[in-house]
């Protein structure tokens, strides 16, 4: 839910700004060039009015308001400008580190002003940033601080919005009952106060929970009401979400014609507002509709659009995360070097004051420099490790599903459709969609249940068996003392080696191949093994040395080695390991992991 209704939780006063209001504020700004508190107020009001139309211009007005407020020494304007800069960094620049920094500056500037309304709003915005970073406990702490301040005020509108945010937080923490309780409290308050923004979005949120519970009639009831409120306020982003939700509900009721119309409307509106996330979800809804109605060609085309948008969102998110970490590391390194240089100059100047304190000053300077150097090295190692983690996560996501496998599956489905074999195409598409959904869901998690890992491996090998017309068989063995529903492992850790066995070990084998996957305990370790009766590592390398097949194999092994290294560093041990050895016929891969339980 958080990914779809992403702007609704912002605690800030944007109510009442319209296109005509924007023009009026712009006119007042041009008529008041004097750099005083009035101009600061107008700059901040006009900047806020751009939130739903020209977000890229918000930072300029925030900076200009802060500059003037500081020059005229106006504390209220400084605090308000700091808060607005936090909003701009969060929603325009996607820079949570700077956003939190400016929010804390705003709180500090507000201490002597004693403005509780400003305080709870800023605390709630800090909570929302932690929520966006999936730091749910930190988010809950700040929401509770905001709620404590708000409880002393007569502000029903703010209470309704804060309750909605808490509902969204509880939902993403896996507590739907608590979420529903908060949403219904928020609905009662926002409806009574005619707070259209919160009203529309909380109706959507309640409808979505009923949608997931398969109570489609209640979902439609709430979301339809949300559409009415969104139309009244011309809130097109919320309406785009509503249309997709309605489409999913109608599809659940098997009213596929209505579902398709709503999904198409939601897709068009999402394109108009530039929201890629809702476009992706609309394509997914269309894919399911076409699949259920037997329109396999259209279902395949819709699914291709969904995969394309989904890959785009995942790729851009990972690139942005790595870029932010690299920028932060470079900034810290330059600041540490500049501070060290300044300290050295200060030490030299002080050493010339008197010879009597030369040795003491030199010793102190040496100790300070040594400590700074050691701290800088520690920060560098930490930053390099975090960058490695981010890069490995991104590479692991790419390695989990070879693009050639995806396109091979899509081409196989297309081939079955063209050959008028809809049942096989439907079976293939169903398994492929389930595998893709499983991979996308598991890739967001650090650890998953062993049962889910086995399910993903089974789906993958079923698809490859179907595509390769049963040229190989497989067997999964699980020791009796292993409870797959309580043991956790990193997601899709074994899949690259299964892929290597199929593509490199068995592809060059003339007779039928076999893959055996087994899991067993050894003390406090989980042992995962993959064996095949293929042509072996050396012969496979000879056959693939002239193409990029060996590079793909090496890439998968390197990614797994990096993931094991990160696991060992996080647990401060060297227990996890990867071992690959040749057999007379085939290859044996063994992965050892410390046992981790889901309780």
Protein backbone atom coordinates (compact mmCIF):
# COMPACT_ATOMS: atom_id res chain seq x y z
CA UNK A 1 0.00 0.00 0.00
CA UNK A 2 2.81 2.37 0.89
CA UNK A 3 4.22 2.18 -2.62
CA UNK A 4 0.88 3.18 -4.20
CA UNK A 5 -0.39 5.94 -1.87
CA UNK A 6 3.05 7.47 -1.45
CA UNK A 7 2.20 11.14 -0.94
CA UNK A 8 -0.82 10.86 1.33
CA UNK A 9 1.12 10.65 4.59
CA UNK A 10 2.87 14.03 4.30
CA UNK A 11 2.06 16.21 7.31
CA UNK A 12 2.10 19.73 5.92
CA UNK A 13 -0.36 22.50 5.22
CA UNK A 14 -1.08 22.26 1.47
CA UNK A 15 -4.86 22.57 1.80
CA UNK A 16 -6.65 25.22 -0.18
CA UNK A 17 -4.08 25.90 -2.90
CA UNK A 18 -5.60 26.01 -6.38
CA UNK A 19 -4.40 27.20 -9.76
CA UNK A 20 -6.06 30.58 -9.25
CA UNK A 21 -4.58 30.72 -5.75
CA UNK A 22 -1.12 30.11 -7.20
CA UNK A 23 -1.57 33.04 -9.59
CA UNK A 24 -2.74 35.26 -6.75
CA UNK A 25 0.31 34.41 -4.60
CA UNK A 26 2.63 34.93 -7.55
CA UNK A 27 1.08 38.35 -8.13
CA UNK A 28 1.53 39.29 -4.45
CA UNK A 29 5.19 38.23 -4.61
CA UNK A 30 5.87 40.45 -7.62
CA UNK A 31 4.14 43.37 -5.85
CA UNK A 32 6.22 42.95 -2.70
CA UNK A 33 9.96 42.95 -3.58
CA UNK A 34 11.08 44.16 -0.12
CA UNK A 35 13.11 41.52 1.66
CA UNK A 36 11.19 41.33 4.94
CA UNK A 37 9.05 38.86 6.91
CA UNK A 38 6.07 39.41 4.58
CA UNK A 39 8.10 38.32 1.56
CA UNK A 40 9.40 35.27 3.46
CA UNK A 41 5.81 34.27 4.25
CA UNK A 42 4.74 34.74 0.63
CA UNK A 43 7.71 32.71 -0.67
CA UNK A 44 6.86 29.81 1.63
CA UNK A 45 3.14 29.91 0.78
CA UNK A 46 3.82 30.01 -2.95
CA UNK A 47 6.40 27.21 -2.65
CA UNK A 48 3.84 25.02 -0.86
CA UNK A 49 1.27 25.73 -3.56
CA UNK A 50 3.61 24.09 -6.15
CA UNK A 51 3.53 20.68 -4.45
CA UNK A 52 0.90 19.25 -6.81
CA UNK A 53 2.04 21.04 -9.97
CA UNK A 54 5.72 22.08 -10.11
CA UNK A 55 7.64 20.25 -7.38
CA UNK A 56 10.97 20.95 -9.10
CA UNK A 57 10.62 24.67 -8.24
CA UNK A 58 9.92 24.16 -4.53
CA UNK A 59 13.58 24.12 -3.45
CA UNK A 60 14.24 27.56 -4.98
CA UNK A 61 11.52 29.19 -2.88
CA UNK A 62 12.66 27.31 0.23
CA UNK A 63 16.26 28.56 -0.25
CA UNK A 64 15.16 32.13 -0.99
CA UNK A 65 12.89 32.23 2.09
CA UNK A 66 15.69 30.88 4.31
CA UNK A 67 18.22 33.39 2.96
CA UNK A 68 16.00 36.39 3.68
CA UNK A 69 14.86 35.06 7.09
CA UNK A 70 18.49 34.63 8.17
CA UNK A 71 19.49 38.07 6.89
CA UNK A 72 16.68 39.80 8.81
CA UNK A 73 17.13 37.49 11.84
CA UNK A 74 13.49 36.33 11.90
CA UNK A 75 13.30 33.09 13.97
CA UNK A 76 9.81 32.06 12.79
CA UNK A 77 10.80 32.36 9.13
CA UNK A 78 14.04 30.43 9.72
CA UNK A 79 12.22 27.53 11.41
CA UNK A 80 9.50 27.44 8.70
CA UNK A 81 12.08 27.57 5.90
CA UNK A 82 14.08 24.73 7.47
CA UNK A 83 10.93 22.61 7.60
CA UNK A 84 10.06 23.42 3.98
CA UNK A 85 13.61 22.54 2.87
CA UNK A 86 13.12 19.17 4.58
CA UNK A 87 9.97 18.63 2.54
CA UNK A 88 11.77 19.64 -0.67
CA UNK A 89 14.73 17.35 -0.06
CA UNK A 90 12.40 14.47 0.70
CA UNK A 91 9.88 14.78 -2.14
CA UNK A 92 11.86 16.56 -4.88
CA UNK A 93 15.50 15.51 -4.44
CA UNK A 94 14.83 12.06 -2.91
CA UNK A 95 17.55 12.83 -0.36
CA UNK A 96 16.35 11.51 3.05
CA UNK A 97 19.66 12.27 4.80
CA UNK A 98 19.45 16.01 4.09
CA UNK A 99 15.69 16.01 4.69
CA UNK A 100 16.09 14.62 8.22
CA UNK A 101 18.94 17.07 8.89
CA UNK A 102 16.74 20.07 8.01
CA UNK A 103 13.78 18.72 9.96
CA UNK A 104 15.96 18.51 13.07
CA UNK A 105 17.22 22.05 12.42
CA UNK A 106 13.59 23.14 12.24
CA UNK A 107 12.82 21.46 15.58
CA UNK A 108 15.84 23.12 17.20
CA UNK A 109 14.91 26.55 15.82
CA UNK A 110 11.35 26.07 17.12
CA UNK A 111 12.39 25.39 20.77
CA UNK A 112 12.40 29.06 21.88
CA UNK A 113 9.25 29.73 19.80
CA UNK A 114 7.11 27.15 21.67
CA UNK A 115 4.90 26.25 18.69
CA UNK A 116 3.45 22.76 19.39
CA UNK A 117 1.55 22.71 16.05
CA UNK A 118 4.82 23.14 14.17
CA UNK A 119 6.57 20.60 16.44
CA UNK A 120 4.15 17.71 15.90
CA UNK A 121 4.04 18.30 12.13
CA UNK A 122 7.84 18.15 11.89
CA UNK A 123 8.06 15.06 14.11
CA UNK A 124 5.47 13.33 11.92
CA UNK A 125 7.42 14.21 8.76
CA UNK A 126 10.58 12.68 10.28
CA UNK A 127 8.53 9.56 11.07
CA UNK A 128 7.35 9.45 7.44
CA UNK A 129 10.96 9.54 6.18
CA UNK A 130 11.87 6.57 8.40
CA UNK A 131 8.73 4.83 7.12
CA UNK A 132 9.78 5.38 3.51
CA UNK A 133 13.16 3.81 4.34
CA UNK A 134 11.30 0.83 5.92
CA UNK A 135 12.70 1.71 9.36
CA UNK A 136 9.36 0.96 10.98
CA UNK A 137 10.35 1.00 14.66
CA UNK A 138 12.00 4.44 14.29
CA UNK A 139 8.93 5.66 12.41
CA UNK A 140 6.64 4.42 15.18
CA UNK A 141 8.72 6.21 17.84
CA UNK A 142 8.47 9.57 16.03
CA UNK A 143 4.75 9.13 15.35
CA UNK A 144 4.24 8.49 19.05
CA UNK A 145 6.20 11.65 19.90
CA UNK A 146 4.05 13.61 17.44
CA UNK A 147 0.89 12.07 18.90
CA UNK A 148 1.98 13.10 22.42
CA UNK A 149 2.35 16.75 21.34
CA UNK A 150 -0.87 16.67 19.30
CA UNK A 151 -2.90 15.29 22.23
CA UNK A 152 -2.63 18.69 23.97
CA UNK A 153 -4.07 20.55 20.96
CA UNK A 154 -7.57 20.93 19.55
CA UNK A 155 -6.66 19.81 16.04
CA UNK A 156 -9.03 17.17 14.71
CA UNK A 157 -7.79 17.61 11.14
CA UNK A 158 -4.22 16.85 12.19
CA UNK A 159 -5.38 13.94 14.33
CA UNK A 160 -7.18 12.41 11.36
CA UNK A 161 -4.06 12.63 9.18
CA UNK A 162 -1.75 11.25 11.86
CA UNK A 163 -4.09 8.29 12.45
CA UNK A 164 -4.05 7.57 8.71
CA UNK A 165 -0.23 7.53 8.76
CA UNK A 166 -0.23 5.19 11.75
CA UNK A 167 -2.62 2.92 9.87
CA UNK A 168 -0.28 2.76 6.89
CA UNK A 169 2.66 2.04 9.22
CA UNK A 170 0.85 -0.79 11.04
CA UNK A 171 -0.20 -2.27 7.68
CA UNK A 172 3.39 -2.44 6.45
CA UNK A 173 4.46 -3.88 9.82
CA UNK A 174 2.12 -6.81 9.07
CA UNK A 175 -0.63 -5.75 11.48
CA UNK A 176 -3.78 -5.34 9.32
CA UNK A 177 -6.22 -5.35 12.26
CA UNK A 178 -4.41 -2.48 14.00
CA UNK A 179 -4.17 -0.73 10.63
CA UNK A 180 -7.93 -1.02 10.04
CA UNK A 181 -8.62 0.36 13.53
CA UNK A 182 -6.49 3.45 12.88
CA UNK A 183 -7.97 3.94 9.38
CA UNK A 184 -11.56 3.86 10.64
CA UNK A 185 -10.77 6.38 13.39
CA UNK A 186 -9.14 8.59 10.75
CA UNK A 187 -12.14 8.18 8.43
CA UNK A 188 -14.57 9.29 11.14
CA UNK A 189 -12.53 12.40 11.94
CA UNK A 190 -11.66 13.41 8.34
CA UNK A 191 -15.27 12.94 7.18
CA UNK A 192 -16.61 15.06 10.06
CA UNK A 193 -14.05 17.82 9.30
CA UNK A 194 -14.42 17.56 5.48
CA UNK A 195 -10.67 17.00 5.12
CA UNK A 196 -10.88 15.84 1.50
CA UNK A 197 -7.22 14.82 1.08
CA UNK A 198 -7.18 12.45 4.06
CA UNK A 199 -10.79 11.41 3.52
CA UNK A 200 -10.17 10.18 -0.04
CA UNK A 201 -6.94 8.38 0.77
CA UNK A 202 -8.15 6.67 3.92
CA UNK A 203 -11.20 5.38 1.99
CA UNK A 204 -8.75 3.93 -0.53
CA UNK A 205 -6.67 2.39 2.27
CA UNK A 206 -9.68 0.69 3.88
CA UNK A 207 -10.87 -0.50 0.47
CA UNK A 208 -7.45 -1.99 -0.26
CA UNK A 209 -7.46 -4.00 2.99
CA UNK A 210 -10.90 -5.40 2.11
CA UNK A 211 -9.56 -6.12 -1.38
CA UNK A 212 -6.74 -8.22 0.06
CA UNK A 213 -9.24 -10.00 2.29
CA UNK A 214 -11.26 -10.78 -0.90
CA UNK A 215 -14.28 -8.89 0.43
CA UNK A 216 -14.80 -7.27 -2.96
CA UNK A 217 -18.19 -5.69 -2.30
CA UNK A 218 -16.92 -3.77 0.72
CA UNK A 219 -13.76 -2.82 -1.18
CA UNK A 220 -15.88 -1.35 -4.01
CA UNK A 221 -18.09 0.48 -1.51
CA UNK A 222 -15.17 2.31 0.12
CA UNK A 223 -13.09 2.93 -3.01
CA UNK A 224 -16.08 4.30 -4.97
CA UNK A 225 -16.58 6.85 -2.21
CA UNK A 226 -12.85 7.68 -2.46
CA UNK A 227 -13.26 8.36 -6.19
CA UNK A 228 -16.08 10.81 -5.48
CA UNK A 229 -13.96 12.75 -2.96
CA UNK A 230 -10.89 12.69 -5.24
CA UNK A 231 -12.99 14.08 -8.11
CA UNK A 232 -14.24 16.93 -5.92
CA UNK A 233 -10.66 17.96 -5.08
CA UNK A 234 -9.21 17.12 -8.53
CA UNK A 235 -6.78 14.73 -6.80
CA UNK A 236 -5.77 12.71 -9.85
CA UNK A 237 -3.05 10.62 -8.20
CA UNK A 238 -5.48 9.27 -5.58
CA UNK A 239 -8.08 8.67 -8.31
CA UNK A 240 -5.54 6.69 -10.36
CA UNK A 241 -5.01 4.37 -7.37
CA UNK A 242 -8.77 4.11 -6.84
CA UNK A 243 -9.39 3.04 -10.43
CA UNK A 244 -6.79 0.27 -10.18
CA UNK A 245 -8.26 -0.95 -6.88
CA UNK A 246 -11.76 -0.97 -8.40
CA UNK A 247 -10.49 -2.92 -11.39
CA UNK A 248 -8.97 -5.56 -9.09
CA UNK A 249 -12.23 -5.80 -7.10
CA UNK A 250 -14.37 -6.18 -10.25
CA UNK A 251 -11.94 -8.82 -11.48
CA UNK A 252 -12.36 -10.65 -8.16
CA UNK A 253 -16.14 -10.61 -8.78
CA UNK A 254 -15.47 -11.94 -12.30
CA UNK A 255 -16.94 -8.80 -13.85
CA UNK A 256 -14.11 -8.70 -16.35
CA UNK A 257 -15.56 -6.15 -18.78
CA UNK A 258 -15.91 -3.55 -16.00
CA UNK A 259 -12.51 -4.54 -14.62
CA UNK A 260 -10.82 -3.99 -18.00
CA UNK A 261 -12.47 -0.57 -18.47
CA UNK A 262 -11.38 0.58 -14.99
CA UNK A 263 -7.84 -0.73 -15.44
CA UNK A 264 -7.55 1.09 -18.76
CA UNK A 265 -8.81 4.33 -17.17
CA UNK A 266 -6.38 3.91 -14.27
CA UNK A 267 -3.53 3.25 -16.70
CA UNK A 268 -4.32 6.37 -18.76
CA UNK A 269 -4.62 8.59 -15.67
CA UNK A 270 -1.38 7.17 -14.23
CA UNK A 271 0.39 8.06 -17.47
CA UNK A 272 -1.04 11.59 -17.37
CA UNK A 273 0.22 12.19 -13.80
CA UNK A 274 3.53 10.44 -14.56
CA UNK A 275 3.15 7.74 -11.90
CA UNK A 276 5.08 4.64 -13.02
CA UNK A 277 4.06 2.58 -9.98
CA UNK A 278 0.33 2.80 -10.76
CA UNK A 279 1.04 2.15 -14.47
CA UNK A 280 2.82 -1.04 -13.47
CA UNK A 281 -0.08 -2.15 -11.27
CA UNK A 282 -2.63 -1.34 -13.98
CA UNK A 283 -0.74 -3.56 -16.46
CA UNK A 284 -0.65 -6.34 -13.86
CA UNK A 285 -4.42 -6.06 -13.38
CA UNK A 286 -4.94 -6.20 -17.16
CA UNK A 287 -2.72 -9.25 -17.45
CA UNK A 288 -4.82 -11.12 -14.90
CA UNK A 289 -8.08 -10.05 -16.61
CA UNK A 290 -6.89 -11.25 -20.03
CA UNK A 291 -5.60 -14.49 -18.53
CA UNK A 292 -8.96 -15.21 -16.88
CA UNK A 293 -10.89 -14.41 -20.06
CA UNK A 294 -8.68 -16.56 -22.29
CA UNK A 295 -7.09 -13.65 -24.18
CA UNK A 296 -3.63 -15.15 -23.96
CA UNK A 297 -1.92 -12.93 -26.53
CA UNK A 298 -3.16 -9.77 -24.80
CA UNK A 299 -2.29 -11.28 -21.42
CA UNK A 300 1.25 -11.91 -22.59
CA UNK A 301 1.59 -8.37 -23.98
CA UNK A 302 0.28 -6.87 -20.72
CA UNK A 303 2.65 -8.99 -18.68
CA UNK A 304 5.62 -7.83 -20.79
CA UNK A 305 4.65 -4.21 -20.05
CA UNK A 306 4.37 -5.04 -16.34
CA UNK A 307 7.81 -6.72 -16.27
CA UNK A 308 9.37 -3.79 -18.16
CA UNK A 309 8.01 -1.20 -15.71
CA UNK A 310 8.81 -3.38 -12.70
CA UNK A 311 12.42 -3.85 -13.82
CA UNK A 312 12.68 -0.11 -14.41
CA UNK A 313 11.48 0.69 -10.86
CA UNK A 314 13.82 -1.86 -9.26
CA UNK A 315 16.84 -0.78 -11.33
CA UNK A 316 16.36 2.96 -10.77
CA UNK A 317 15.82 2.43 -7.04
CA UNK A 318 19.03 0.43 -6.62
CA UNK A 319 21.08 2.86 -8.72
CA UNK A 320 19.78 5.81 -6.68
CA UNK A 321 20.61 4.01 -3.42
CA UNK A 322 24.19 3.22 -4.50
CA UNK A 323 24.70 6.76 -5.83
CA UNK A 324 23.55 8.25 -2.52
CA UNK A 325 25.94 6.01 -0.56
CA UNK A 326 28.86 6.91 -2.83
CA UNK A 327 28.09 10.64 -2.57
CA UNK A 328 27.87 10.42 1.23
CA UNK A 329 31.16 8.51 1.41
CA UNK A 330 33.00 11.04 -0.79
CA UNK A 331 31.59 13.94 1.26
CA UNK A 332 32.69 12.35 4.56
CA UNK A 333 36.15 11.61 3.18
CA UNK A 334 36.70 15.18 1.93
CA UNK A 335 35.42 16.65 5.21
CA UNK A 336 37.74 14.37 7.24
CA UNK A 337 40.75 15.32 5.10
CA UNK A 338 39.97 19.03 5.31
CA UNK A 339 39.56 18.86 9.09
CA UNK A 340 42.82 16.92 9.45
CA UNK A 341 44.66 19.55 7.37
CA UNK A 342 43.20 22.36 9.49
CA UNK A 343 44.23 20.59 12.69
CA UNK A 344 47.80 20.15 11.40
CA UNK A 345 48.10 23.88 10.63
CA UNK A 346 46.74 24.75 14.08
CA UNK A 347 49.24 22.38 15.69
CA UNK A 348 52.16 23.98 13.80
CA UNK A 349 51.12 27.50 14.84
CA UNK A 350 50.75 26.51 18.47
CA UNK A 351 54.11 24.75 18.46
CA UNK A 352 55.83 28.10 17.66
CA UNK A 353 54.34 29.91 20.66
CA UNK A 354 56.73 28.49 23.24
CA UNK A 355 59.41 25.87 23.22
CA UNK A 356 58.45 24.78 26.70
CA UNK A 357 55.20 23.20 25.48
CA UNK A 358 56.54 21.91 22.15
CA UNK A 359 56.76 18.26 23.20
CA UNK A 360 53.35 18.28 24.90
CA UNK A 361 51.68 19.99 21.95
CA UNK A 362 53.36 17.61 19.51
CA UNK A 363 52.27 14.58 21.51
CA UNK A 364 48.67 15.81 21.71
CA UNK A 365 48.66 16.59 17.99
CA UNK A 366 50.04 13.14 17.21
CA UNK A 367 47.35 11.43 19.29
CA UNK A 368 44.59 13.52 17.70
CA UNK A 369 45.83 12.81 14.18
CA UNK A 370 46.22 9.13 14.92
CA UNK A 371 42.66 8.94 16.27
CA UNK A 372 41.26 10.88 13.29
CA UNK A 373 43.15 8.68 10.86
CA UNK A 374 41.90 5.54 12.60
CA UNK A 375 38.32 6.88 12.67
CA UNK A 376 38.56 7.88 9.00
CA UNK A 377 39.76 4.38 8.11
CA UNK A 378 36.91 2.85 10.13
CA UNK A 379 34.40 5.07 8.33
CA UNK A 380 35.95 4.21 4.99
CA UNK A 381 35.75 0.47 5.70
CA UNK A 382 32.15 0.83 6.85
CA UNK A 383 31.25 2.87 3.76
CA UNK A 384 32.99 0.37 1.45
CA UNK A 385 31.16 -2.51 3.14
CA UNK A 386 27.79 -0.77 2.79
CA UNK A 387 28.55 -0.03 -0.87
CA UNK A 388 29.49 -3.70 -1.36
CA UNK A 389 26.20 -4.74 0.23
CA UNK A 390 24.22 -2.39 -2.03
CA UNK A 391 26.09 -3.48 -5.17
CA UNK A 392 25.79 -7.16 -4.28
CA UNK A 393 22.05 -6.80 -3.65
CA UNK A 394 21.59 -5.17 -7.03
CA UNK A 395 23.76 -7.77 -8.81
CA UNK A 396 22.07 -10.60 -6.93
CA UNK A 397 18.69 -9.30 -8.09
CA UNK A 398 19.91 -9.35 -11.68
CA UNK A 399 21.51 -12.78 -11.21
CA UNK A 400 18.39 -14.33 -9.68
CA UNK A 401 16.65 -14.46 -13.01
CA UNK A 402 18.74 -14.56 -16.17
CA UNK A 403 17.12 -12.19 -18.74
CA UNK A 404 17.60 -14.95 -21.33
CA UNK A 405 15.49 -17.27 -19.17
CA UNK A 406 12.68 -14.68 -18.99
CA UNK A 407 12.68 -14.08 -22.75
CA UNK A 408 12.94 -17.84 -23.42
CA UNK A 409 9.84 -18.38 -21.27
CA UNK A 410 7.94 -15.57 -22.95
CA UNK A 411 8.90 -16.89 -26.39
CA UNK A 412 7.87 -20.43 -25.37
CA UNK A 413 4.47 -19.14 -24.20
CA UNK A 414 4.10 -17.20 -27.44
CA UNK A 415 5.02 -20.32 -29.42
CA UNK A 416 2.39 -22.43 -27.63
CA UNK A 417 -0.22 -19.74 -28.33
CA UNK A 418 0.70 -19.62 -32.04
CA UNK A 419 0.51 -23.42 -32.18
CA UNK A 420 -3.03 -23.20 -30.73
CA UNK A 421 -2.10 -25.02 -27.53
CA UNK A 422 -3.83 -22.72 -25.02
CA UNK A 423 -3.86 -25.19 -22.12
CA UNK A 424 -0.09 -25.65 -22.18
CA UNK A 425 0.39 -21.91 -22.68
CA UNK A 426 -1.91 -21.21 -19.74
CA UNK A 427 -0.07 -23.72 -17.53
CA UNK A 428 3.30 -22.26 -18.57
CA UNK A 429 2.11 -18.68 -18.07
CA UNK A 430 0.63 -19.49 -14.64
CA UNK A 431 3.85 -21.06 -13.41
CA UNK A 432 5.95 -18.29 -14.95
CA UNK A 433 3.80 -15.56 -13.35
CA UNK A 434 3.98 -17.32 -9.97
CA UNK A 435 7.78 -17.63 -10.24
CA UNK A 436 8.18 -13.98 -11.22
CA UNK A 437 5.93 -12.85 -8.39
CA UNK A 438 7.87 -15.08 -5.94
CA UNK A 439 11.23 -13.74 -7.12
CA UNK A 440 10.08 -10.10 -6.90
CA UNK A 441 8.61 -10.62 -3.42
CA UNK A 442 11.63 -12.56 -2.12
CA UNK A 443 14.17 -10.10 -3.58
CA UNK A 444 12.90 -7.43 -1.13
CA UNK A 445 13.68 -9.68 1.85
CA UNK A 446 17.02 -10.37 3.47
CA UNK A 447 15.95 -13.89 4.47
CA UNK A 448 13.08 -16.17 3.48
CA UNK A 449 11.73 -19.50 4.67
CA UNK A 450 13.48 -22.60 3.31
CA UNK A 451 10.04 -23.77 2.16
CA UNK A 452 9.72 -20.66 -0.05
CA UNK A 453 13.23 -21.22 -1.47
CA UNK A 454 12.32 -24.81 -2.36
CA UNK A 455 9.05 -23.60 -3.93
CA UNK A 456 10.94 -21.11 -6.14
CA UNK A 457 13.50 -23.74 -7.18
CA UNK A 458 10.72 -26.19 -8.02
CA UNK A 459 8.90 -23.63 -10.17
CA UNK A 460 12.13 -22.73 -11.96
CA UNK A 461 13.03 -26.34 -12.75
CA UNK A 462 9.42 -27.15 -13.78
CA UNK A 463 9.57 -24.33 -16.34
CA UNK A 464 12.97 -25.41 -17.65
CA UNK A 465 11.82 -29.04 -17.86
CA UNK A 466 8.74 -27.96 -19.83
CA UNK A 467 10.78 -25.68 -22.11
CA UNK A 468 13.48 -28.33 -22.74
CA UNK A 469 10.85 -31.05 -23.31
CA UNK A 470 11.88 -33.24 -20.33
CA UNK A 471 15.54 -33.55 -21.28
CA UNK A 472 16.36 -33.74 -17.58
CA UNK A 473 14.71 -34.75 -14.30
CA UNK A 474 15.24 -33.43 -10.81
CA UNK A 475 14.80 -34.55 -7.22
CA UNK A 476 14.72 -32.51 -3.98
CA UNK A 477 15.68 -34.37 -0.79
CA UNK A 478 15.01 -32.90 2.65
CA UNK A 479 16.34 -34.55 5.81
CA UNK A 480 13.71 -35.66 8.34
CA UNK A 481 15.05 -33.34 11.08
CA UNK A 482 14.62 -30.19 8.94
CA UNK A 483 11.50 -28.04 9.40
CA UNK A 484 11.37 -26.02 6.19
CA UNK A 485 8.71 -23.68 7.61
CA UNK A 486 10.97 -22.46 10.43
CA UNK A 487 14.44 -22.26 8.85
CA UNK A 488 15.56 -19.01 7.15
CA UNK A 489 18.08 -18.61 4.32
CA UNK A 490 19.04 -15.79 1.90
CA UNK A 491 16.62 -15.80 -1.10
CA UNK A 492 17.48 -17.71 -4.29
CA UNK A 493 21.00 -18.59 -3.12
CA UNK A 494 21.04 -21.94 -4.94
CA UNK A 495 19.25 -20.86 -8.13
CA UNK A 496 22.39 -19.68 -10.06
CA UNK A 497 24.00 -23.12 -9.57
CA UNK A 498 20.86 -24.95 -10.69
CA UNK A 499 20.86 -22.68 -13.75
CA UNK A 500 24.56 -23.56 -14.39
CA UNK A 501 23.78 -27.28 -14.11
CA UNK A 502 21.02 -26.97 -16.72
CA UNK A 503 22.73 -24.59 -19.14
CA UNK A 504 26.33 -25.82 -18.88
CA UNK A 505 26.31 -29.28 -17.31
CA UNK A 506 23.31 -30.92 -18.97
CA UNK A 507 22.99 -28.98 -22.24
CA UNK A 508 26.01 -30.77 -23.74
CA UNK A 509 24.86 -34.19 -22.53
CA UNK A 510 23.43 -36.52 -25.14
CA UNK A 511 21.28 -38.68 -22.84
CA UNK A 512 18.86 -37.62 -20.12
CA UNK A 513 20.31 -35.57 -17.27
CA UNK A 514 19.43 -35.42 -13.59
CA UNK A 515 19.80 -32.81 -10.86
CA UNK A 516 19.62 -33.73 -7.16
CA UNK A 517 19.13 -30.98 -4.57
CA UNK A 518 19.40 -31.90 -0.89
CA UNK A 519 19.18 -30.15 2.46
CA UNK A 520 20.47 -31.54 5.74
CA UNK A 521 21.75 -30.41 9.15
CA UNK A 522 25.32 -30.77 10.35
CA UNK A 523 25.53 -29.56 13.93
CA UNK A 524 24.42 -25.92 13.87
CA UNK A 525 24.88 -25.66 10.10
CA UNK A 526 22.46 -26.07 7.19
CA UNK A 527 24.02 -27.91 4.25
CA UNK A 528 22.56 -27.33 0.79
CA UNK A 529 23.93 -29.50 -2.05
CA UNK A 530 23.40 -29.54 -5.81
CA UNK A 531 24.60 -32.51 -7.86
CA UNK A 532 24.24 -33.17 -11.56
CA UNK A 533 25.39 -35.92 -13.90
CA UNK A 534 26.38 -33.45 -16.60
CA UNK A 535 29.55 -33.14 -18.63
CA UNK A 536 31.48 -31.50 -15.77
CA UNK A 537 33.18 -28.16 -15.16
CA UNK A 538 36.25 -28.63 -17.36
CA UNK A 539 34.42 -29.84 -20.47
CA UNK A 540 31.71 -27.20 -19.99
CA UNK A 541 34.38 -24.48 -19.81
CA UNK A 542 35.93 -25.76 -23.06
CA UNK A 543 32.56 -25.69 -24.84
CA UNK A 544 31.62 -22.20 -23.58
CA UNK A 545 35.04 -20.50 -23.76
CA UNK A 546 34.18 -18.93 -27.11
CA UNK A 547 30.96 -17.31 -25.95
CA UNK A 548 29.68 -15.47 -22.87
CA UNK A 549 28.32 -18.61 -21.18
CA UNK A 550 31.39 -18.94 -18.95
CA UNK A 551 31.11 -15.29 -18.04
CA UNK A 552 27.52 -15.81 -16.92
CA UNK A 553 28.58 -18.83 -14.85
CA UNK A 554 31.47 -16.95 -13.26
CA UNK A 555 29.15 -14.00 -12.55
CA UNK A 556 26.69 -16.21 -10.64
CA UNK A 557 29.50 -17.79 -8.58
CA UNK A 558 31.05 -14.41 -7.77
CA UNK A 559 27.70 -13.00 -6.64
CA UNK A 560 27.12 -15.96 -4.33
CA UNK A 561 30.67 -15.66 -2.95
CA UNK A 562 30.04 -11.95 -2.24
CA UNK A 563 26.72 -12.74 -0.51
CA UNK A 564 28.44 -15.36 1.69
CA UNK A 565 31.24 -12.92 2.51
CA UNK A 566 28.69 -10.28 3.55
CA UNK A 567 26.81 -12.87 5.65
CA UNK A 568 30.04 -13.81 7.45
CA UNK A 569 30.98 -10.16 8.07
CA UNK A 570 27.52 -9.33 9.41
CA UNK A 571 27.64 -12.31 11.81
CA UNK A 572 31.37 -11.78 12.57
CA UNK A 573 32.21 -15.36 11.65
CA UNK A 574 33.53 -17.45 8.79
CA UNK A 575 31.12 -20.36 9.08
CA UNK A 576 29.22 -19.80 5.82
CA UNK A 577 31.06 -21.26 2.82
CA UNK A 578 30.78 -22.31 -0.83
CA UNK A 579 32.56 -25.39 -2.24
CA UNK A 580 32.47 -26.55 -5.89
CA UNK A 581 34.18 -29.79 -6.94
CA UNK A 582 34.33 -31.98 -9.98
CA UNK A 583 33.07 -35.58 -10.06
CA UNK A 584 33.72 -38.33 -12.54
CA UNK A 585 30.41 -37.46 -14.08
CA UNK A 586 29.04 -34.01 -13.31
CA UNK A 587 29.55 -31.34 -10.68
CA UNK A 588 28.91 -31.11 -6.93
CA UNK A 589 28.14 -27.77 -5.24
CA UNK A 590 27.91 -27.45 -1.46
CA UNK A 591 26.75 -24.32 0.43
CA UNK A 592 27.06 -24.20 4.22
CA UNK A 593 25.06 -21.66 6.23
CA UNK A 594 24.66 -21.11 9.99
CA UNK A 595 21.19 -22.28 11.02
CA UNK A 596 18.76 -19.37 11.40
CA UNK A 597 15.24 -19.87 12.73
CA UNK A 598 12.02 -17.92 12.23
CA UNK A 599 11.25 -17.63 15.95
